[in-house]
Amino acid sequence: MKEFGGLEHVLTQLLENNIIVGPAFASLTVGGLDPEVYEIIRHEARVLSLQYWRRHHSLLIDGGPVASNEVVEQALCEAISSTAAYLSHLRLGHLNVDETMVRVALSLIENFLNEHHVEETITVALLVHAYDDYQALVHYREMKEIDFITGQLHRPWIQYTLEGELEFLLYYGSLRRYDCGKTPYLALTEVGESRYERIRKFLEEAGFLQRRRTLARWSQFSQMEDYDDIVNQIGMEALRYKTLELSGITSDMHVLELGCGTAGLTIDAGLCRVVGSGGSVIATDPSVGMLSRARKKAEKLNVENTSFRQSAAEHLPFEDNTFDAIIGVSFLHFTRIPDALQEIHRVAKPNAFFTTLYPLHVPDSNPYFGEWFAPLLINSPGSSSNSDMLPGKDTVASAIPNRFYTDIDIQPVISDNDYGNPEAVVKFYVQVVNVFEPVMNTLPWKAQQEMIQTLVERGRDIVAKYGRVKLRLQRPFQSLKARVVK
């Protein structure tokens, strides 16, 4: 956006350097930092603030008041803690953030500040924090001032208060303060609503919001110890066998699996057995936690022809023309589909087949499903016409580059699912498949937790109304099988 000058470049560079200027994932940072580690972070943030920030620096947005060292220190504190958490959790699979990873994060940030314009870098960080503040006020319309300052509804992971940020928002005319009885309240003004939309658009177009959604999703999967139980309760395991059957994979093949999760297709459905001792499987997934559980399963069962690698489908760490076949279940909708299809083409050998199966847009015509998930069956700002993130029936077909693939076969597949357990169903749709990610991400942190609980309670009412036996739904999927052309 022209309004924000060259900040798009700075934000892009931050992402490319694995520096997270806002929380990568709330679930890890809410009360998740050891007090001694946080004291190190706060001390180093103060040192950086004094070293790189001067009071003659000013924000680039509408002029604005000078940012105090305290506000900058808080922004740096969050950047250090979020970057350290990202590196620990999503790169190493460690839930705890130790001093070593804090030092690594600190080094990344200090190097970045030495190489880039400090004022622009700090402004980007403050824009991200402003986005979270605005989003909460857009959702709640009004907030008690004490709730805003403590961040308990929208930023519960912070270990400081938000008086400085409140001062900025009041200065810009984004908020109005008023008393209700003896309690001070805050409400968003028209100016604030406009500024929120401009910041949201900037962060979306620069790729920041999508990146943050992706990191949150990977983190969520890493911590989901009951993933297998949830999938099996819903009745999704049959889709793995269906995909393997369609693939035509045979013994002695060198196979790449994408989005392997906890090895449901790899081991449980028998992909590793199909290729046999003369073949091999490399199973990939972006989530370190998922891969850790997959490896434990392989070790327990003495699976020797399978290895696991952390990787997203859009960036595969393999040479060109490596695999005899590529396969994956329910991963494609999490990717940038055109980019994933191009990467799959690159690493596949000529004439190799790519086979996958993926869910389609959630139908709301079923009486109990529409009634159950009505709070999320709405359109969200900046989302597509669907209230979910799933592809339509023509989405994948239109994304396949014909110069890369031939013998393209796309078929409808129906999955018969059990919806009798409300807790499992809500977790499956909201946290496993992330169907409603576009809508959920418009909600501040506390509202997301409340929405999940609301959906569970609505599910219990649905079970009582329709009966557990009747709660089955035929969900639409598609299968894709295509031959690589080179």
Protein backbone atom coordinates (compact mmCIF):
# COMPACT_ATOMS: atom_id res chain seq x y z
CA MET A 1 0.00 0.00 0.00
CA LYS A 2 1.33 3.41 -0.97
CA GLU A 3 0.36 4.82 2.43
CA PHE A 4 3.00 2.73 4.20
CA GLY A 5 5.89 3.60 1.89
CA GLY A 6 8.64 0.98 1.91
CA LEU A 7 7.38 -0.91 4.94
CA GLU A 8 6.26 -3.86 2.79
CA HIS A 9 9.92 -4.60 2.05
CA VAL A 10 10.86 -4.43 5.72
CA LEU A 11 8.05 -6.77 6.71
CA THR A 12 8.97 -9.22 3.97
CA GLN A 13 12.60 -9.17 5.08
CA LEU A 14 11.60 -9.81 8.68
CA LEU A 15 9.62 -12.90 7.63
CA GLU A 16 12.47 -14.16 5.44
CA ASN A 17 14.87 -13.80 8.37
CA ASN A 18 12.57 -15.81 10.69
CA ILE A 19 11.91 -12.80 12.90
CA ILE A 20 8.40 -12.69 14.36
CA VAL A 21 7.38 -9.16 15.36
CA GLY A 22 4.07 -10.25 16.84
CA PRO A 23 3.04 -13.46 18.60
CA ALA A 24 3.48 -16.44 16.28
CA PHE A 25 1.03 -18.44 18.35
CA ALA A 26 -0.79 -17.50 21.52
CA SER A 27 -1.09 -21.07 22.80
CA LEU A 28 2.64 -21.26 23.48
CA THR A 29 3.12 -17.79 24.88
CA VAL A 30 0.19 -17.51 27.30
CA GLY A 31 2.00 -17.99 30.57
CA GLY A 32 4.57 -20.07 28.71
CA LEU A 33 7.82 -18.25 29.48
CA ASP A 34 9.93 -19.08 32.50
CA PRO A 35 10.28 -15.93 34.69
CA GLU A 36 14.08 -16.10 34.60
CA VAL A 37 14.07 -16.39 30.81
CA TYR A 38 11.65 -13.49 30.54
CA GLU A 39 13.90 -11.32 32.71
CA ILE A 40 16.73 -11.97 30.24
CA ILE A 41 14.42 -11.02 27.37
CA ARG A 42 13.31 -7.84 29.08
CA HIS A 43 16.87 -6.82 29.90
CA GLU A 44 18.07 -7.39 26.34
CA ALA A 45 15.07 -5.53 24.93
CA ARG A 46 15.93 -2.57 27.11
CA VAL A 47 19.54 -2.65 25.91
CA LEU A 48 18.41 -2.77 22.27
CA SER A 49 15.97 0.05 22.82
CA LEU A 50 18.62 2.31 24.33
CA GLN A 51 21.13 1.35 21.67
CA TYR A 52 18.98 1.73 18.56
CA TRP A 53 16.16 4.13 19.45
CA ARG A 54 16.38 7.85 19.95
CA ARG A 55 13.64 10.20 21.00
CA HIS A 56 13.93 12.18 17.77
CA HIS A 57 12.63 9.10 15.95
CA SER A 58 8.93 9.33 15.15
CA LEU A 59 6.36 6.97 13.77
CA LEU A 60 5.86 6.98 10.02
CA ILE A 61 2.07 6.75 10.25
CA ASP A 62 0.44 10.16 9.98
CA GLY A 63 3.37 11.83 11.71
CA GLY A 64 2.31 10.90 15.21
CA PRO A 65 3.87 11.39 18.62
CA VAL A 66 7.38 10.25 19.37
CA ALA A 67 7.55 6.63 20.51
CA SER A 68 9.08 6.40 23.96
CA ASN A 69 11.86 4.00 24.78
CA GLU A 70 9.37 2.10 26.95
CA VAL A 71 6.99 1.42 24.05
CA VAL A 72 9.87 0.41 21.79
CA GLU A 73 11.29 -1.81 24.54
CA GLN A 74 7.95 -3.60 24.80
CA ALA A 75 7.82 -4.12 21.03
CA LEU A 76 11.33 -5.57 21.06
CA CYS A 77 10.47 -7.73 24.06
CA GLU A 78 7.62 -9.33 22.15
CA ALA A 79 9.77 -9.75 19.04
CA ILE A 80 12.51 -11.55 21.00
CA SER A 81 10.09 -13.83 22.88
CA SER A 82 8.00 -14.66 19.77
CA THR A 83 11.06 -15.32 17.61
CA ALA A 84 12.61 -17.52 20.31
CA ALA A 85 9.33 -19.41 20.73
CA TYR A 86 9.05 -19.88 16.95
CA LEU A 87 12.59 -21.24 16.69
CA SER A 88 12.18 -23.49 19.73
CA HIS A 89 8.76 -24.86 18.98
CA LEU A 90 8.37 -24.95 15.24
CA ARG A 91 11.97 -25.64 14.27
CA LEU A 92 13.15 -27.86 17.13
CA GLY A 93 9.89 -29.18 18.56
CA HIS A 94 10.65 -27.90 22.08
CA LEU A 95 7.75 -26.44 24.03
CA ASN A 96 10.01 -24.54 26.42
CA VAL A 97 12.03 -21.48 25.45
CA ASP A 98 15.49 -21.53 27.00
CA GLU A 99 18.24 -18.92 27.21
CA THR A 100 20.13 -20.42 24.28
CA MET A 101 17.22 -19.87 21.91
CA VAL A 102 16.68 -16.36 23.31
CA ARG A 103 20.30 -15.58 22.40
CA VAL A 104 19.76 -16.91 18.88
CA ALA A 105 16.63 -14.77 18.49
CA LEU A 106 18.45 -11.76 19.88
CA SER A 107 21.29 -12.22 17.40
CA LEU A 108 18.84 -12.38 14.48
CA ILE A 109 17.08 -9.20 15.59
CA GLU A 110 20.29 -7.28 16.30
CA ASN A 111 21.72 -8.21 12.92
CA PHE A 112 18.51 -7.07 11.27
CA LEU A 113 18.57 -3.72 13.07
CA ASN A 114 22.17 -3.20 11.96
CA GLU A 115 21.29 -3.86 8.33
CA HIS A 116 17.94 -2.07 8.03
CA HIS A 117 16.36 1.27 8.86
CA VAL A 118 15.64 1.10 12.59
CA GLU A 119 12.70 3.49 12.49
CA GLU A 120 10.92 1.49 9.79
CA THR A 121 11.56 -1.79 11.60
CA ILE A 122 10.13 -0.49 14.87
CA THR A 123 7.17 1.02 13.03
CA VAL A 124 6.35 -2.36 11.47
CA ALA A 125 6.38 -3.98 14.93
CA LEU A 126 4.09 -1.29 16.33
CA LEU A 127 1.75 -1.67 13.35
CA VAL A 128 1.38 -5.35 14.15
CA HIS A 129 0.56 -4.57 17.77
CA ALA A 130 -1.90 -1.88 16.68
CA TYR A 131 -3.60 -4.45 14.44
CA ASP A 132 -4.22 -6.74 17.42
CA ASP A 133 -5.52 -3.81 19.49
CA TYR A 134 -7.81 -2.59 16.73
CA GLN A 135 -9.10 -6.09 16.01
CA ALA A 136 -10.23 -6.49 19.62
CA LEU A 137 -12.05 -3.17 19.56
CA VAL A 138 -13.68 -3.97 16.22
CA HIS A 139 -14.98 -7.21 17.69
CA TYR A 140 -16.10 -5.98 21.11
CA ARG A 141 -17.09 -2.46 19.98
CA GLU A 142 -16.32 -1.29 23.51
CA MET A 143 -13.93 -2.49 26.20
CA LYS A 144 -13.22 -1.62 29.77
CA GLU A 145 -10.04 0.41 29.79
CA ILE A 146 -8.51 -1.95 32.35
CA ASP A 147 -9.19 -4.95 30.06
CA PHE A 148 -7.48 -3.19 27.17
CA ILE A 149 -4.46 -2.14 29.22
CA THR A 150 -3.90 -5.60 30.70
CA GLY A 151 -4.55 -7.27 27.33
CA GLN A 152 -6.47 -10.08 28.99
CA LEU A 153 -9.03 -10.32 26.17
CA HIS A 154 -6.76 -10.01 23.15
CA ARG A 155 -3.07 -10.26 24.17
CA PRO A 156 -2.93 -12.34 27.38
CA TRP A 157 0.65 -13.44 26.63
CA ILE A 158 2.14 -9.99 27.35
CA GLN A 159 3.92 -9.41 30.64
CA TYR A 160 3.59 -5.63 30.52
CA THR A 161 0.73 -3.18 30.23
CA LEU A 162 -0.53 -1.31 27.18
CA GLU A 163 -0.75 2.29 28.46
CA GLY A 164 1.76 3.42 25.85
CA GLU A 165 -0.19 1.87 22.98
CA LEU A 166 -3.41 3.31 24.37
CA GLU A 167 -1.79 6.75 24.33
CA PHE A 168 -1.00 6.37 20.63
CA LEU A 169 -4.51 5.23 19.71
CA LEU A 170 -6.06 8.12 21.61
CA TYR A 171 -3.65 10.57 19.98
CA TYR A 172 -4.59 9.37 16.51
CA GLY A 173 -8.28 9.75 17.28
CA SER A 174 -8.82 6.02 16.83
CA LEU A 175 -10.48 5.63 20.23
CA ARG A 176 -12.75 7.59 22.45
CA ARG A 177 -12.72 7.24 26.21
CA TYR A 178 -15.90 7.57 28.26
CA ASP A 179 -17.15 6.66 31.71
CA CYS A 180 -19.97 4.25 32.46
CA GLY A 181 -20.64 4.86 36.10
CA LYS A 182 -17.20 4.94 37.62
CA THR A 183 -15.70 2.57 35.05
CA PRO A 184 -13.68 4.00 32.11
CA TYR A 185 -14.52 2.43 28.75
CA LEU A 186 -12.93 2.61 25.31
CA ALA A 187 -14.68 2.49 21.94
CA LEU A 188 -13.42 2.61 18.37
CA THR A 189 -14.15 5.75 16.37
CA GLU A 190 -14.82 5.95 12.62
CA VAL A 191 -11.22 7.08 12.24
CA GLY A 192 -10.13 3.96 14.12
CA GLU A 193 -12.26 1.66 11.98
CA SER A 194 -10.75 3.16 8.84
CA ARG A 195 -7.21 2.91 10.18
CA TYR A 196 -7.77 -0.71 11.23
CA GLU A 197 -8.93 -1.62 7.73
CA ARG A 198 -5.88 0.07 6.16
CA ILE A 199 -3.46 -1.72 8.51
CA ARG A 200 -5.26 -5.05 8.01
CA LYS A 201 -5.02 -4.67 4.24
CA PHE A 202 -1.32 -3.77 4.44
CA LEU A 203 -0.49 -6.78 6.63
CA GLU A 204 -2.60 -9.10 4.45
CA GLU A 205 -1.08 -7.92 1.18
CA ALA A 206 2.43 -8.15 2.59
CA GLY A 207 1.78 -11.79 3.53
CA PHE A 208 2.16 -11.26 7.28
CA LEU A 209 -1.32 -12.35 8.36
CA GLN A 210 -1.18 -15.50 6.24
CA ARG A 211 2.24 -16.30 7.68
CA ARG A 212 0.95 -15.86 11.22
CA ARG A 213 -2.07 -18.06 10.51
CA THR A 214 0.23 -20.75 9.14
CA LEU A 215 2.54 -20.63 12.16
CA ALA A 216 -0.41 -20.83 14.54
CA ARG A 217 -1.76 -23.84 12.64
CA TRP A 218 1.59 -25.67 12.73
CA SER A 219 1.94 -24.96 16.43
CA GLN A 220 -1.57 -26.20 17.10
CA PHE A 221 -0.87 -29.46 15.29
CA SER A 222 2.40 -29.88 17.18
CA GLN A 223 0.59 -29.76 20.51
CA MET A 224 -2.36 -31.97 19.49
CA GLU A 225 -1.53 -35.19 21.31
CA ASP A 226 -5.01 -36.64 20.64
CA TYR A 227 -4.92 -36.08 16.85
CA ASP A 228 -5.27 -39.79 15.98
CA ASP A 229 -8.17 -40.22 18.39
CA ILE A 230 -10.03 -37.22 16.93
CA VAL A 231 -9.61 -38.36 13.33
CA ASN A 232 -10.66 -41.92 14.15
CA GLN A 233 -13.72 -40.81 16.13
CA ILE A 234 -14.95 -38.77 13.16
CA GLY A 235 -14.35 -41.74 10.84
CA MET A 236 -11.73 -40.32 8.46
CA GLU A 237 -9.35 -43.28 8.36
CA ALA A 238 -11.19 -44.82 5.38
CA LEU A 239 -10.01 -41.92 3.21
CA ARG A 240 -6.40 -42.96 3.70
CA TYR A 241 -7.07 -46.44 2.30
CA LYS A 242 -9.04 -44.89 -0.58
CA THR A 243 -6.13 -42.61 -1.51
CA LEU A 244 -3.59 -45.41 -1.35
CA GLU A 245 -5.79 -47.60 -3.54
CA LEU A 246 -6.19 -44.84 -6.15
CA SER A 247 -2.46 -44.10 -6.26
CA GLY A 248 -1.39 -47.32 -7.94
CA ILE A 249 1.80 -47.30 -5.85
CA THR A 250 3.57 -50.66 -5.95
CA SER A 251 6.57 -52.33 -4.40
CA ASP A 252 10.10 -50.99 -4.90
CA MET A 253 8.92 -47.42 -5.54
CA HIS A 254 10.62 -44.37 -4.01
CA VAL A 255 7.63 -42.38 -2.70
CA LEU A 256 7.17 -38.91 -1.25
CA GLU A 257 4.27 -38.36 1.14
CA LEU A 258 3.10 -34.81 1.86
CA GLY A 259 1.30 -33.79 5.05
CA CYS A 260 1.94 -37.11 6.76
CA GLY A 261 0.77 -35.97 10.21
CA THR A 262 1.19 -38.81 12.69
CA ALA A 263 1.79 -41.38 9.90
CA GLY A 264 -1.85 -42.36 9.47
CA LEU A 265 -1.33 -43.08 5.76
CA THR A 266 2.36 -43.91 6.05
CA ILE A 267 2.03 -46.67 8.64
CA ASP A 268 -1.58 -47.19 9.75
CA ALA A 269 -2.99 -47.47 6.21
CA GLY A 270 0.09 -49.34 5.03
CA LEU A 271 1.95 -47.16 2.52
CA CYS A 272 5.28 -48.35 3.93
CA ARG A 273 4.18 -51.99 3.54
CA VAL A 274 3.05 -51.48 -0.07
CA VAL A 275 6.47 -50.22 -1.23
CA GLY A 276 8.14 -53.09 0.60
CA SER A 277 11.75 -53.59 1.58
CA GLY A 278 12.92 -52.68 -1.91
CA GLY A 279 11.16 -49.33 -1.83
CA SER A 280 11.19 -46.33 0.47
CA VAL A 281 8.97 -43.56 1.77
CA ILE A 282 9.99 -40.06 2.74
CA ALA A 283 7.09 -38.60 4.73
CA THR A 284 6.99 -34.83 5.25
CA ASP A 285 4.95 -32.46 7.39
CA PRO A 286 5.43 -28.82 8.50
CA SER A 287 4.67 -29.68 12.14
CA VAL A 288 7.59 -30.87 14.26
CA GLY A 289 5.21 -32.28 16.87
CA MET A 290 3.37 -34.39 14.31
CA LEU A 291 6.66 -35.72 12.93
CA SER A 292 7.86 -36.58 16.43
CA ARG A 293 4.78 -38.73 17.04
CA ALA A 294 5.13 -40.30 13.58
CA ARG A 295 8.74 -41.25 14.28
CA LYS A 296 7.80 -42.82 17.62
CA LYS A 297 5.13 -44.88 15.86
CA ALA A 298 7.67 -46.02 13.25
CA GLU A 299 10.23 -46.94 15.92
CA LYS A 300 7.64 -48.88 17.93
CA LEU A 301 6.66 -50.92 14.87
CA ASN A 302 10.24 -51.30 13.56
CA VAL A 303 9.45 -49.58 10.26
CA GLU A 304 12.79 -49.38 8.48
CA ASN A 305 11.97 -48.15 4.96
CA THR A 306 10.48 -44.81 6.01
CA SER A 307 12.09 -41.52 7.04
CA PHE A 308 10.50 -38.26 8.14
CA ARG A 309 11.40 -34.69 7.16
CA GLN A 310 10.01 -31.33 8.18
CA SER A 311 8.82 -29.51 5.08
CA ALA A 312 5.96 -27.53 3.62
CA ALA A 313 4.65 -28.69 0.25
CA GLU A 314 5.51 -25.33 -1.34
CA HIS A 315 9.21 -25.64 -0.44
CA LEU A 316 10.43 -29.22 -0.75
CA PRO A 317 14.09 -29.90 0.21
CA PHE A 318 14.67 -32.45 -2.54
CA GLU A 319 16.43 -32.55 -5.90
CA ASP A 320 14.56 -32.43 -9.20
CA ASN A 321 13.26 -35.74 -10.59
CA THR A 322 13.61 -37.67 -7.34
CA PHE A 323 10.39 -39.62 -6.69
CA ASP A 324 8.54 -42.40 -8.50
CA ALA A 325 5.22 -41.30 -6.95
CA ILE A 326 3.88 -38.57 -4.68
CA ILE A 327 0.88 -38.95 -2.39
CA GLY A 328 -0.90 -37.12 0.43
CA VAL A 329 -4.25 -37.01 2.25
CA SER A 330 -6.02 -33.82 3.38
CA PHE A 331 -3.02 -31.54 3.05
CA LEU A 332 -3.62 -29.63 -0.20
CA HIS A 333 -6.16 -27.18 1.25
CA PHE A 334 -3.51 -26.00 3.73
CA THR A 335 -1.16 -24.98 0.92
CA ARG A 336 -0.91 -22.32 -1.73
CA ILE A 337 -2.24 -24.83 -4.24
CA PRO A 338 -0.55 -23.55 -7.44
CA ASP A 339 2.84 -23.33 -5.67
CA ALA A 340 2.47 -26.82 -4.19
CA LEU A 341 1.56 -28.31 -7.57
CA GLN A 342 4.64 -26.76 -9.15
CA GLU A 343 6.94 -28.09 -6.42
CA ILE A 344 5.41 -31.54 -6.68
CA HIS A 345 6.06 -31.46 -10.43
CA ARG A 346 9.68 -30.42 -9.86
CA VAL A 347 10.62 -33.25 -7.50
CA ALA A 348 8.69 -35.99 -9.35
CA LYS A 349 10.27 -38.13 -12.02
CA PRO A 350 8.81 -37.96 -15.53
CA ASN A 351 5.55 -39.96 -15.74
CA ALA A 352 5.27 -40.20 -11.93
CA PHE A 353 1.74 -39.99 -10.56
CA PHE A 354 0.60 -37.51 -7.93
CA THR A 355 -2.43 -38.69 -5.95
CA THR A 356 -4.27 -36.84 -3.23
CA LEU A 357 -7.64 -36.51 -1.56
CA TYR A 358 -8.92 -33.29 0.00
CA PRO A 359 -12.10 -31.90 1.59
CA LEU A 360 -14.37 -29.51 -0.29
CA HIS A 361 -16.30 -26.48 0.86
CA VAL A 362 -18.49 -27.34 3.87
CA PRO A 363 -22.17 -27.57 2.94
CA ASP A 364 -24.52 -25.79 5.32
CA SER A 365 -27.65 -27.37 3.86
CA ASN A 366 -27.66 -30.21 6.39
CA PRO A 367 -30.18 -29.15 9.06
CA TYR A 368 -28.14 -30.00 12.11
CA PHE A 369 -24.76 -28.94 10.70
CA GLY A 370 -26.08 -25.50 9.72
CA GLU A 371 -27.75 -25.14 13.10
CA TRP A 372 -24.67 -26.30 14.97
CA PHE A 373 -22.06 -24.13 13.24
CA ALA A 374 -24.28 -21.13 12.47
CA PRO A 375 -21.98 -18.67 14.36
CA LEU A 376 -19.14 -19.48 11.91
CA LEU A 377 -21.15 -19.81 8.69
CA ILE A 378 -20.61 -16.15 7.84
CA ASN A 379 -18.22 -14.24 5.66
CA SER A 380 -15.19 -12.63 7.27
CA PRO A 381 -13.30 -9.44 6.29
CA GLY A 382 -10.82 -10.15 3.55
CA SER A 383 -11.97 -13.75 3.05
CA SER A 384 -13.44 -15.43 0.01
CA SER A 385 -17.18 -15.80 -0.49
CA ASN A 386 -17.08 -19.04 1.54
CA SER A 387 -16.93 -18.86 5.29
CA ASP A 388 -14.44 -21.72 5.32
CA MET A 389 -10.96 -22.12 3.81
CA LEU A 390 -11.75 -25.22 1.78
CA PRO A 391 -11.63 -25.40 -2.02
CA GLY A 392 -14.73 -25.48 -4.18
CA LYS A 393 -15.33 -28.28 -6.65
CA ASP A 394 -13.49 -26.40 -9.46
CA THR A 395 -10.68 -24.84 -7.39
CA VAL A 396 -8.01 -27.51 -7.82
CA ALA A 397 -8.88 -28.25 -11.45
CA SER A 398 -8.37 -24.59 -12.37
CA ALA A 399 -5.03 -24.48 -10.52
CA ILE A 400 -3.42 -27.45 -12.28
CA PRO A 401 -0.90 -26.29 -14.91
CA ASN A 402 -1.63 -28.44 -17.98
CA ARG A 403 1.95 -28.11 -19.18
CA PHE A 404 3.06 -29.94 -16.04
CA TYR A 405 0.40 -32.65 -15.74
CA THR A 406 -1.57 -34.97 -17.98
CA ASP A 407 -4.09 -37.80 -17.48
CA ILE A 408 -5.76 -35.57 -14.90
CA ASP A 409 -8.54 -37.45 -13.12
CA ILE A 410 -10.63 -35.61 -10.52
CA GLN A 411 -13.48 -37.53 -8.92
CA PRO A 412 -16.04 -36.82 -6.17
CA VAL A 413 -15.60 -38.83 -2.97
CA ILE A 414 -18.07 -39.03 -0.12
CA SER A 415 -16.93 -39.50 3.46
CA ASP A 416 -19.50 -40.81 5.94
CA ASN A 417 -18.66 -39.16 9.26
CA ASP A 418 -19.85 -39.66 12.82
CA TYR A 419 -20.87 -36.42 14.57
CA GLY A 420 -22.10 -37.89 17.85
CA ASN A 421 -19.21 -36.57 20.00
CA PRO A 422 -19.47 -32.73 20.16
CA GLU A 423 -16.01 -32.18 21.64
CA ALA A 424 -14.36 -34.30 18.93
CA VAL A 425 -16.39 -32.71 16.12
CA VAL A 426 -15.59 -29.15 17.17
CA LYS A 427 -11.92 -29.95 17.59
CA PHE A 428 -11.89 -31.66 14.19
CA TYR A 429 -13.49 -28.79 12.30
CA VAL A 430 -11.94 -25.87 14.16
CA GLN A 431 -8.50 -27.22 15.05
CA VAL A 432 -7.70 -30.27 12.87
CA VAL A 433 -9.07 -29.37 9.45
CA ASN A 434 -9.14 -25.65 10.36
CA VAL A 435 -12.26 -25.32 8.23
CA PHE A 436 -13.29 -21.99 9.70
CA GLU A 437 -9.83 -20.41 9.92
CA PRO A 438 -10.86 -17.25 7.98
CA VAL A 439 -13.61 -16.46 10.50
CA MET A 440 -11.76 -17.60 13.62
CA ASN A 441 -8.83 -15.35 12.79
CA THR A 442 -11.04 -12.27 12.85
CA LEU A 443 -11.67 -12.96 16.54
CA PRO A 444 -9.37 -11.81 19.35
CA TRP A 445 -7.81 -14.47 21.56
CA LYS A 446 -10.47 -14.65 24.29
CA ALA A 447 -13.32 -14.64 21.77
CA GLN A 448 -11.74 -17.63 19.98
CA GLN A 449 -11.71 -19.64 23.21
CA GLU A 450 -15.31 -18.63 23.90
CA MET A 451 -16.37 -19.58 20.36
CA ILE A 452 -14.94 -23.09 20.76
CA GLN A 453 -16.83 -23.55 24.02
CA THR A 454 -20.02 -22.16 22.46
CA LEU A 455 -19.77 -24.65 19.60
CA VAL A 456 -19.29 -27.55 22.01
CA GLU A 457 -22.38 -26.48 23.95
CA ARG A 458 -24.38 -26.08 20.73
CA GLY A 459 -23.23 -29.58 19.75
CA ARG A 460 -24.53 -31.04 22.98
CA ASP A 461 -27.89 -29.43 22.28
CA ILE A 462 -27.85 -30.90 18.77
CA VAL A 463 -27.14 -34.39 20.14
CA ALA A 464 -30.03 -34.03 22.57
CA LYS A 465 -32.33 -32.81 19.78
CA TYR A 466 -31.50 -35.26 16.96
CA GLY A 467 -30.13 -38.25 18.83
CA ARG A 468 -26.58 -39.55 18.66
CA VAL A 469 -27.42 -42.34 16.20
CA LYS A 470 -28.76 -39.90 13.58
CA LEU A 471 -25.77 -37.60 13.70
CA ARG A 472 -23.93 -38.77 10.61
CA LEU A 473 -23.07 -36.53 7.70
CA GLN A 474 -21.83 -37.36 4.24
CA ARG A 475 -19.05 -34.88 3.61
CA PRO A 476 -17.86 -34.03 0.08
CA PHE A 477 -14.24 -34.68 -0.86
CA GLN A 478 -12.39 -34.87 -4.15
CA SER A 479 -9.67 -37.20 -5.30
CA LEU A 480 -7.00 -36.09 -7.76
CA LYS A 481 -4.67 -38.32 -9.73
CA ALA A 482 -2.43 -36.82 -12.40
CA ARG A 483 0.68 -37.84 -14.32
CA VAL A 484 3.74 -35.57 -14.31
CA VAL A 485 4.86 -34.37 -17.76
CA LYS A 486 8.46 -33.33 -18.40
